[in-house]
C-alpha atoms as a PDB file:
ATOM      1  CA  UNK A   1      94.605  77.583 123.107  1.00  0.00           C
ATOM      2  CA  UNK A   2      94.478  79.665 126.186  1.00  0.00           C
ATOM      3  CA  UNK A   3      94.393  83.408 126.513  1.00  0.00           C
ATOM      4  CA  UNK A   4      98.061  83.365 127.547  1.00  0.00           C
ATOM      5  CA  UNK A   5      99.023  81.520 124.361  1.00  0.00           C
ATOM      6  CA  UNK A   6      96.984  83.926 122.247  1.00  0.00           C
ATOM      7  CA  UNK A   7      98.605  86.915 123.942  1.00  0.00           C
ATOM      8  CA  UNK A   8     102.088  85.493 123.354  1.00  0.00           C
ATOM      9  CA  UNK A   9     101.332  84.817 119.679  1.00  0.00           C
ATOM     10  CA  UNK A  10      99.873  88.295 119.237  1.00  0.00           C
ATOM     11  CA  UNK A  11     102.963  89.856 120.833  1.00  0.00           C
ATOM     12  CA  UNK A  12     105.265  87.877 118.516  1.00  0.00           C
ATOM     13  CA  UNK A  13     103.213  88.899 115.487  1.00  0.00           C
ATOM     14  CA  UNK A  14     103.350  92.550 116.560  1.00  0.00           C
ATOM     15  CA  UNK A  15     107.128  92.390 116.954  1.00  0.00           C
ATOM     16  CA  UNK A  16     107.495  90.705 113.567  1.00  0.00           C
ATOM     17  CA  UNK A  17     105.282  93.335 111.937  1.00  0.00           C
ATOM     18  CA  UNK A  18     107.290  96.180 113.466  1.00  0.00           C
ATOM     19  CA  UNK A  19     110.563  94.542 112.398  1.00  0.00           C
ATOM     20  CA  UNK A  20     109.312  94.171 108.842  1.00  0.00           C
ATOM     21  CA  UNK A  21     108.045  97.750 108.619  1.00  0.00           C
ATOM     22  CA  UNK A  22     110.914  99.489 110.437  1.00  0.00           C
ATOM     23  CA  UNK A  23     113.950  97.419 109.397  1.00  0.00           C
ATOM     24  CA  UNK A  24     113.393  94.878 106.649  1.00  0.00           C
ATOM     25  CA  UNK A  25     111.415  96.753 103.993  1.00  0.00           C
ATOM     26  CA  UNK A  26     113.520  99.942 104.130  1.00  0.00           C
ATOM     27  CA  UNK A  27     116.720  97.886 103.847  1.00  0.00           C
ATOM     28  CA  UNK A  28     115.204  95.835 101.034  1.00  0.00           C
ATOM     29  CA  UNK A  29     114.249  98.965  99.109  1.00  0.00           C
ATOM     30  CA  UNK A  30     117.756 100.420  99.543  1.00  0.00           C
ATOM     31  CA  UNK A  31     119.264  97.143  98.335  1.00  0.00           C
ATOM     32  CA  UNK A  32     116.993  97.017  95.288  1.00  0.00           C
ATOM     33  CA  UNK A  33     117.655 100.611  94.262  1.00  0.00           C
ATOM     34  CA  UNK A  34     121.394 100.176  94.882  1.00  0.00           C
ATOM     35  CA  UNK A  35     121.433  96.942  92.913  1.00  0.00           C
ATOM     36  CA  UNK A  36     119.659  98.598  90.000  1.00  0.00           C
ATOM     37  CA  UNK A  37     122.124 101.486  90.060  1.00  0.00           C
ATOM     38  CA  UNK A  38     125.021  99.027  90.123  1.00  0.00           C
ATOM     39  CA  UNK A  39     123.525  97.162  87.161  1.00  0.00           C
ATOM     40  CA  UNK A  40     123.220 100.391  85.151  1.00  0.00           C
ATOM     41  CA  UNK A  41     126.783 101.366  86.093  1.00  0.00           C
ATOM     42  CA  UNK A  42     128.183  98.006  84.930  1.00  0.00           C
ATOM     43  CA  UNK A  43     126.152  98.183  81.699  1.00  0.00           C
ATOM     44  CA  UNK A  44     127.578 101.627  80.976  1.00  0.00           C
ATOM     45  CA  UNK A  45     131.127 100.378  81.615  1.00  0.00           C
ATOM     46  CA  UNK A  46     130.601  97.538  79.141  1.00  0.00           C
ATOM     47  CA  UNK A  47     128.546  99.300  76.450  1.00  0.00           C
ATOM     48  CA  UNK A  48     129.323 102.980  76.933  1.00  0.00           C
ATOM     49  CA  UNK A  49     126.985 105.791  77.928  1.00  0.00           C
ATOM     50  CA  UNK A  50     123.609 106.174  76.246  1.00  0.00           C
ATOM     51  CA  UNK A  51     123.779 107.825  72.847  1.00  0.00           C
ATOM     52  CA  UNK A  52     127.514 107.253  72.446  1.00  0.00           C
END
């Protein structure tokens, strides 16, 4: 590989890293927490609140 190819690959990796850190992981964490909350909400609709 040439230096130009290495520079292009490094730039793509940097962009991918920034996308993952800035966009993907925060959205994934919001989706996981929201999904867990939805699961608890549905369980409480079906089985009633805790201690009831």
